[in-house]
Amino acid sequence: MRAQLRTKAISICDQKIAKKGETVGLSFYAFFSNKNDDPDALMEMAEWWIKTHKLDHFEKAVKIRELIRSGA
């Protein structure tokens, strides 16, 4: 995953956790606006989420943040 996308995803995880607590879940769509204005990044995140890590549709933001931070 590109560094820019990693940074964005970690920031969004941090925001969600701060707002709703450590049990908040999210999907990979949480990293994008409702408009499909960056399909390459969306597909990159979807591949990381679905193919690489075989994650469920909704996962805990804490788990996602740690996976991204670890470079997984």
PDB file of N, CA and C in Angstrom:
ATOM      1  N   MET A   1       0.851  -1.174   0.000  1.00  0.00           N
ATOM      2  CA  MET A   1       0.000   0.000   0.000  1.00  0.00           C
ATOM      3  C   MET A   1       0.897   1.238   0.000  1.00  0.00           C
ATOM      4  N   ARG A   2       0.536   2.194  -0.812  1.00  0.00           N
ATOM      5  CA  ARG A   2       1.291   3.453  -0.897  1.00  0.00           C
ATOM      6  C   ARG A   2       1.328   4.170   0.449  1.00  0.00           C
ATOM      7  N   ALA A   3       2.422   4.869   0.697  1.00  0.00           N
ATOM      8  CA  ALA A   3       2.597   5.601   1.952  1.00  0.00           C
ATOM      9  C   ALA A   3       1.481   6.620   2.164  1.00  0.00           C
ATOM     10  N   GLN A   4       1.083   7.301   1.114  1.00  0.00           N
ATOM     11  CA  GLN A   4       0.023   8.320   1.226  1.00  0.00           C
ATOM     12  C   GLN A   4      -1.296   7.680   1.672  1.00  0.00           C
ATOM     13  N   LEU A   5      -1.615   6.525   1.125  1.00  0.00           N
ATOM     14  CA  LEU A   5      -2.850   5.830   1.503  1.00  0.00           C
ATOM     15  C   LEU A   5      -2.751   5.297   2.941  1.00  0.00           C
ATOM     16  N   ARG A   6      -1.581   4.806   3.322  1.00  0.00           N
ATOM     17  CA  ARG A   6      -1.370   4.350   4.701  1.00  0.00           C
ATOM     18  C   ARG A   6      -1.612   5.492   5.689  1.00  0.00           C
ATOM     19  N   THR A   7      -1.021   6.638   5.395  1.00  0.00           N
ATOM     20  CA  THR A   7      -1.158   7.803   6.272  1.00  0.00           C
ATOM     21  C   THR A   7      -2.620   8.218   6.404  1.00  0.00           C
ATOM     22  N   LYS A   8      -3.321   8.254   5.281  1.00  0.00           N
ATOM     23  CA  LYS A   8      -4.733   8.630   5.276  1.00  0.00           C
ATOM     24  C   LYS A   8      -5.555   7.625   6.094  1.00  0.00           C
ATOM     25  N   ALA A   9      -5.315   6.339   5.883  1.00  0.00           N
ATOM     26  CA  ALA A   9      -6.075   5.298   6.572  1.00  0.00           C
ATOM     27  C   ALA A   9      -5.843   5.338   8.083  1.00  0.00           C
ATOM     28  N   ILE A  10      -4.600   5.522   8.504  1.00  0.00           N
ATOM     29  CA  ILE A  10      -4.293   5.609   9.935  1.00  0.00           C
ATOM     30  C   ILE A  10      -4.985   6.819  10.549  1.00  0.00           C
ATOM     31  N   SER A  11      -4.957   7.939   9.847  1.00  0.00           N
ATOM     32  CA  SER A  11      -5.611   9.154  10.332  1.00  0.00           C
ATOM     33  C   SER A  11      -7.114   8.945  10.509  1.00  0.00           C
ATOM     34  N   ILE A  12      -7.730   8.297   9.547  1.00  0.00           N
ATOM     35  CA  ILE A  12      -9.175   8.044   9.626  1.00  0.00           C
ATOM     36  C   ILE A  12      -9.484   7.067  10.753  1.00  0.00           C
ATOM     37  N   CYS A  13      -8.666   6.040  10.921  1.00  0.00           N
ATOM     38  CA  CYS A  13      -8.851   5.118  12.048  1.00  0.00           C
ATOM     39  C   CYS A  13      -8.755   5.881  13.361  1.00  0.00           C
ATOM     40  N   ASP A  14      -7.742   6.738  13.483  1.00  0.00           N
ATOM     41  CA  ASP A  14      -7.578   7.534  14.705  1.00  0.00           C
ATOM     42  C   ASP A  14      -8.814   8.398  14.974  1.00  0.00           C
ATOM     43  N   GLN A  15      -9.333   9.030  13.931  1.00  0.00           N
ATOM     44  CA  GLN A  15     -10.522   9.883  14.077  1.00  0.00           C
ATOM     45  C   GLN A  15     -11.729   9.076  14.533  1.00  0.00           C
ATOM     46  N   LYS A  16     -11.956   7.930  13.907  1.00  0.00           N
ATOM     47  CA  LYS A  16     -13.103   7.086  14.264  1.00  0.00           C
ATOM     48  C   LYS A  16     -12.987   6.581  15.704  1.00  0.00           C
ATOM     49  N   ILE A  17     -11.787   6.167  16.083  1.00  0.00           N
ATOM     50  CA  ILE A  17     -11.573   5.667  17.436  1.00  0.00           C
ATOM     51  C   ILE A  17     -11.794   6.786  18.453  1.00  0.00           C
ATOM     52  N   ALA A  18     -11.269   7.965  18.170  1.00  0.00           N
ATOM     53  CA  ALA A  18     -11.436   9.102  19.082  1.00  0.00           C
ATOM     54  C   ALA A  18     -12.901   9.482  19.239  1.00  0.00           C
ATOM     55  N   LYS A  19     -13.658   9.383  18.161  1.00  0.00           N
ATOM     56  CA  LYS A  19     -15.058   9.790  18.176  1.00  0.00           C
ATOM     57  C   LYS A  19     -15.977   8.734  18.796  1.00  0.00           C
ATOM     58  N   LYS A  20     -15.726   7.447  18.488  1.00  0.00           N
ATOM     59  CA  LYS A  20     -16.677   6.404  18.876  1.00  0.00           C
ATOM     60  C   LYS A  20     -16.111   5.329  19.796  1.00  0.00           C
ATOM     61  N   GLY A  21     -14.835   5.434  20.128  1.00  0.00           N
ATOM     62  CA  GLY A  21     -14.242   4.460  21.043  1.00  0.00           C
ATOM     63  C   GLY A  21     -13.513   3.333  20.336  1.00  0.00           C
ATOM     64  N   GLU A  22     -12.803   2.543  21.131  1.00  0.00           N
ATOM     65  CA  GLU A  22     -11.927   1.509  20.592  1.00  0.00           C
ATOM     66  C   GLU A  22     -12.658   0.305  20.008  1.00  0.00           C
ATOM     67  N   THR A  23     -13.951   0.231  20.192  1.00  0.00           N
ATOM     68  CA  THR A  23     -14.695  -0.899  19.631  1.00  0.00           C
ATOM     69  C   THR A  23     -15.328  -0.573  18.282  1.00  0.00           C
ATOM     70  N   VAL A  24     -15.100   0.632  17.776  1.00  0.00           N
ATOM     71  CA  VAL A  24     -15.716   1.035  16.515  1.00  0.00           C
ATOM     72  C   VAL A  24     -15.195   0.177  15.359  1.00  0.00           C
ATOM     73  N   GLY A  25     -16.124  -0.213  14.507  1.00  0.00           N
ATOM     74  CA  GLY A  25     -15.775  -0.982  13.322  1.00  0.00           C
ATOM     75  C   GLY A  25     -15.875  -0.113  12.089  1.00  0.00           C
ATOM     76  N   LEU A  26     -15.195  -0.555  11.035  1.00  0.00           N
ATOM     77  CA  LEU A  26     -15.290   0.157   9.772  1.00  0.00           C
ATOM     78  C   LEU A  26     -15.012  -0.797   8.625  1.00  0.00           C
ATOM     79  N   SER A  27     -15.356  -0.354   7.432  1.00  0.00           N
ATOM     80  CA  SER A  27     -15.041  -1.109   6.228  1.00  0.00           C
ATOM     81  C   SER A  27     -14.023  -0.309   5.439  1.00  0.00           C
ATOM     82  N   PHE A  28     -13.492  -0.890   4.371  1.00  0.00           N
ATOM     83  CA  PHE A  28     -12.491  -0.152   3.604  1.00  0.00           C
ATOM     84  C   PHE A  28     -13.094   1.061   2.911  1.00  0.00           C
ATOM     85  N   TYR A  29     -14.398   1.111   2.796  1.00  0.00           N
ATOM     86  CA  TYR A  29     -15.056   2.289   2.215  1.00  0.00           C
ATOM     87  C   TYR A  29     -14.917   3.517   3.123  1.00  0.00           C
ATOM     88  N   ALA A  30     -14.625   3.316   4.397  1.00  0.00           N
ATOM     89  CA  ALA A  30     -14.497   4.432   5.338  1.00  0.00           C
ATOM     90  C   ALA A  30     -13.371   5.383   4.953  1.00  0.00           C
ATOM     91  N   PHE A  31     -12.449   4.927   4.126  1.00  0.00           N
ATOM     92  CA  PHE A  31     -11.301   5.740   3.758  1.00  0.00           C
ATOM     93  C   PHE A  31     -11.556   6.602   2.523  1.00  0.00           C
ATOM     94  N   PHE A  32     -12.788   6.566   2.025  1.00  0.00           N
ATOM     95  CA  PHE A  32     -13.114   7.275   0.786  1.00  0.00           C
ATOM     96  C   PHE A  32     -14.438   8.010   0.932  1.00  0.00           C
ATOM     97  N   SER A  33     -14.576   9.088   0.167  1.00  0.00           N
ATOM     98  CA  SER A  33     -15.845   9.815   0.155  1.00  0.00           C
ATOM     99  C   SER A  33     -16.865   8.993  -0.630  1.00  0.00           C
ATOM    100  N   ASN A  34     -18.091   9.410  -0.595  1.00  0.00           N
ATOM    101  CA  ASN A  34     -19.139   8.679  -1.307  1.00  0.00           C
ATOM    102  C   ASN A  34     -18.969   8.742  -2.824  1.00  0.00           C
ATOM    103  N   LYS A  35     -18.153   9.680  -3.279  1.00  0.00           N
ATOM    104  CA  LYS A  35     -17.870   9.767  -4.709  1.00  0.00           C
ATOM    105  C   LYS A  35     -16.690   8.865  -5.026  1.00  0.00           C
ATOM    106  N   ASN A  36     -16.724   8.281  -6.184  1.00  0.00           N
ATOM    107  CA  ASN A  36     -15.626   7.431  -6.629  1.00  0.00           C
ATOM    108  C   ASN A  36     -14.602   8.304  -7.353  1.00  0.00           C
ATOM    109  N   ASP A  37     -13.952   9.199  -6.594  1.00  0.00           N
ATOM    110  CA  ASP A  37     -13.038  10.157  -7.206  1.00  0.00           C
ATOM    111  C   ASP A  37     -11.595   9.672  -7.263  1.00  0.00           C
ATOM    112  N   ASP A  38     -11.302   8.510  -6.682  1.00  0.00           N
ATOM    113  CA  ASP A  38      -9.965   7.934  -6.750  1.00  0.00           C
ATOM    114  C   ASP A  38     -10.069   6.413  -6.841  1.00  0.00           C
ATOM    115  N   PRO A  39     -10.510   5.915  -7.998  1.00  0.00           N
ATOM    116  CA  PRO A  39     -10.737   4.472  -8.128  1.00  0.00           C
ATOM    117  C   PRO A  39      -9.476   3.630  -7.938  1.00  0.00           C
ATOM    118  N   ASP A  40      -8.312   4.158  -8.297  1.00  0.00           N
ATOM    119  CA  ASP A  40      -7.079   3.389  -8.109  1.00  0.00           C
ATOM    120  C   ASP A  40      -6.791   3.153  -6.629  1.00  0.00           C
ATOM    121  N   ALA A  41      -6.953   4.197  -5.818  1.00  0.00           N
ATOM    122  CA  ALA A  41      -6.731   4.053  -4.379  1.00  0.00           C
ATOM    123  C   ALA A  41      -7.789   3.135  -3.758  1.00  0.00           C
ATOM    124  N   LEU A  42      -9.029   3.259  -4.201  1.00  0.00           N
ATOM    125  CA  LEU A  42     -10.100   2.402  -3.702  1.00  0.00           C
ATOM    126  C   LEU A  42      -9.779   0.930  -3.990  1.00  0.00           C
ATOM    127  N   MET A  43      -9.339   0.648  -5.198  1.00  0.00           N
ATOM    128  CA  MET A  43      -9.006  -0.731  -5.562  1.00  0.00           C
ATOM    129  C   MET A  43      -7.772  -1.222  -4.805  1.00  0.00           C
ATOM    130  N   GLU A  44      -6.819  -0.325  -4.574  1.00  0.00           N
ATOM    131  CA  GLU A  44      -5.627  -0.685  -3.801  1.00  0.00           C
ATOM    132  C   GLU A  44      -6.017  -1.077  -2.373  1.00  0.00           C
ATOM    133  N   MET A  45      -6.883  -0.287  -1.764  1.00  0.00           N
ATOM    134  CA  MET A  45      -7.336  -0.589  -0.407  1.00  0.00           C
ATOM    135  C   MET A  45      -8.175  -1.862  -0.397  1.00  0.00           C
ATOM    136  N   ALA A  46      -9.043  -2.029  -1.380  1.00  0.00           N
ATOM    137  CA  ALA A  46      -9.876  -3.233  -1.452  1.00  0.00           C
ATOM    138  C   ALA A  46      -9.010  -4.482  -1.590  1.00  0.00           C
ATOM    139  N   GLU A  47      -7.979  -4.417  -2.407  1.00  0.00           N
ATOM    140  CA  GLU A  47      -7.098  -5.571  -2.577  1.00  0.00           C
ATOM    141  C   GLU A  47      -6.350  -5.879  -1.274  1.00  0.00           C
ATOM    142  N   TRP A  48      -5.854  -4.842  -0.620  1.00  0.00           N
ATOM    143  CA  TRP A  48      -5.155  -5.020   0.661  1.00  0.00           C
ATOM    144  C   TRP A  48      -6.093  -5.656   1.673  1.00  0.00           C
ATOM    145  N   TRP A  49      -7.326  -5.163   1.720  1.00  0.00           N
ATOM    146  CA  TRP A  49      -8.321  -5.606   2.711  1.00  0.00           C
ATOM    147  C   TRP A  49      -8.807  -7.022   2.409  1.00  0.00           C
ATOM    148  N   ILE A  50      -9.204  -7.264   1.161  1.00  0.00           N
ATOM    149  CA  ILE A  50      -9.883  -8.511   0.806  1.00  0.00           C
ATOM    150  C   ILE A  50      -8.910  -9.614   0.391  1.00  0.00           C
ATOM    151  N   LYS A  51      -8.045  -9.320  -0.562  1.00  0.00           N
ATOM    152  CA  LYS A  51      -7.145 -10.362  -1.068  1.00  0.00           C
ATOM    153  C   LYS A  51      -5.965 -10.631  -0.144  1.00  0.00           C
ATOM    154  N   THR A  52      -5.304  -9.572   0.282  1.00  0.00           N
ATOM    155  CA  THR A  52      -4.089  -9.752   1.074  1.00  0.00           C
ATOM    156  C   THR A  52      -4.386 -10.256   2.478  1.00  0.00           C
ATOM    157  N   HIS A  53      -5.346  -9.640   3.154  1.00  0.00           N
ATOM    158  CA  HIS A  53      -5.595  -9.967   4.562  1.00  0.00           C
ATOM    159  C   HIS A  53      -6.856 -10.771   4.812  1.00  0.00           C
ATOM    160  N   LYS A  54      -7.676 -10.947   3.775  1.00  0.00           N
ATOM    161  CA  LYS A  54      -8.904 -11.741   3.882  1.00  0.00           C
ATOM    162  C   LYS A  54      -9.754 -11.315   5.075  1.00  0.00           C
ATOM    163  N   LEU A  55      -9.920  -9.998   5.199  1.00  0.00           N
ATOM    164  CA  LEU A  55     -10.686  -9.432   6.306  1.00  0.00           C
ATOM    165  C   LEU A  55     -12.177  -9.464   6.007  1.00  0.00           C
ATOM    166  N   ASP A  56     -12.974  -9.472   7.066  1.00  0.00           N
ATOM    167  CA  ASP A  56     -14.423  -9.367   6.926  1.00  0.00           C
ATOM    168  C   ASP A  56     -14.780  -7.964   6.445  1.00  0.00           C
ATOM    169  N   HIS A  57     -16.033  -7.794   6.045  1.00  0.00           N
ATOM    170  CA  HIS A  57     -16.461  -6.486   5.545  1.00  0.00           C
ATOM    171  C   HIS A  57     -16.248  -5.402   6.601  1.00  0.00           C
ATOM    172  N   PHE A  58     -16.630  -5.673   7.832  1.00  0.00           N
ATOM    173  CA  PHE A  58     -16.404  -4.729   8.931  1.00  0.00           C
ATOM    174  C   PHE A  58     -15.371  -5.319   9.876  1.00  0.00           C
ATOM    175  N   GLU A  59     -14.409  -4.485  10.247  1.00  0.00           N
ATOM    176  CA  GLU A  59     -13.360  -4.862  11.190  1.00  0.00           C
ATOM    177  C   GLU A  59     -13.178  -3.723  12.183  1.00  0.00           C
ATOM    178  N   LYS A  60     -12.601  -4.023  13.317  1.00  0.00           N
ATOM    179  CA  LYS A  60     -12.321  -3.001  14.321  1.00  0.00           C
ATOM    180  C   LYS A  60     -11.258  -2.044  13.783  1.00  0.00           C
ATOM    181  N   ALA A  61     -11.502  -0.760  13.973  1.00  0.00           N
ATOM    182  CA  ALA A  61     -10.560   0.254  13.510  1.00  0.00           C
ATOM    183  C   ALA A  61      -9.188   0.075  14.152  1.00  0.00           C
ATOM    184  N   VAL A  62      -9.173  -0.352  15.412  1.00  0.00           N
ATOM    185  CA  VAL A  62      -7.913  -0.575  16.119  1.00  0.00           C
ATOM    186  C   VAL A  62      -7.090  -1.651  15.400  1.00  0.00           C
ATOM    187  N   LYS A  63      -7.744  -2.722  14.988  1.00  0.00           N
ATOM    188  CA  LYS A  63      -7.071  -3.818  14.284  1.00  0.00           C
ATOM    189  C   LYS A  63      -6.502  -3.331  12.958  1.00  0.00           C
ATOM    190  N   ILE A  64      -7.298  -2.589  12.208  1.00  0.00           N
ATOM    191  CA  ILE A  64      -6.856  -2.088  10.902  1.00  0.00           C
ATOM    192  C   ILE A  64      -5.668  -1.146  11.080  1.00  0.00           C
ATOM    193  N   ARG A  65      -5.776  -0.252  12.036  1.00  0.00           N
ATOM    194  CA  ARG A  65      -4.688   0.710  12.283  1.00  0.00           C
ATOM    195  C   ARG A  65      -3.383  -0.028  12.592  1.00  0.00           C
ATOM    196  N   GLU A  66      -3.458  -1.062  13.413  1.00  0.00           N
ATOM    197  CA  GLU A  66      -2.240  -1.796  13.783  1.00  0.00           C
ATOM    198  C   GLU A  66      -1.682  -2.581  12.603  1.00  0.00           C
ATOM    199  N   LEU A  67      -2.549  -3.164  11.787  1.00  0.00           N
ATOM    200  CA  LEU A  67      -2.076  -3.856  10.587  1.00  0.00           C
ATOM    201  C   LEU A  67      -1.335  -2.894   9.666  1.00  0.00           C
ATOM    202  N   ILE A  68      -1.907  -1.730   9.475  1.00  0.00           N
ATOM    203  CA  ILE A  68      -1.287  -0.735   8.589  1.00  0.00           C
ATOM    204  C   ILE A  68       0.034  -0.244   9.181  1.00  0.00           C
ATOM    205  N   ARG A  69       0.046   0.062  10.459  1.00  0.00           N
ATOM    206  CA  ARG A  69       1.277   0.526  11.112  1.00  0.00           C
ATOM    207  C   ARG A  69       2.397  -0.514  11.044  1.00  0.00           C
ATOM    208  N   SER A  70       2.025  -1.774  11.106  1.00  0.00           N
ATOM    209  CA  SER A  70       3.022  -2.844  11.097  1.00  0.00           C
ATOM    210  C   SER A  70       3.617  -3.073   9.704  1.00  0.00           C
ATOM    211  N   GLY A  71       3.006  -2.444   8.708  1.00  0.00           N
ATOM    212  CA  GLY A  71       3.496  -2.630   7.342  1.00  0.00           C
ATOM    213  C   GLY A  71       2.941  -3.868   6.674  1.00  0.00           C
ATOM    214  N   ALA A  72       1.980  -4.481   7.298  1.00  0.00           N
ATOM    215  CA  ALA A  72       1.385  -5.710   6.748  1.00  0.00           C
ATOM    216  C   ALA A  72       0.645  -5.445   5.460  1.00  0.00           C
TER     217      ALA A  72
END
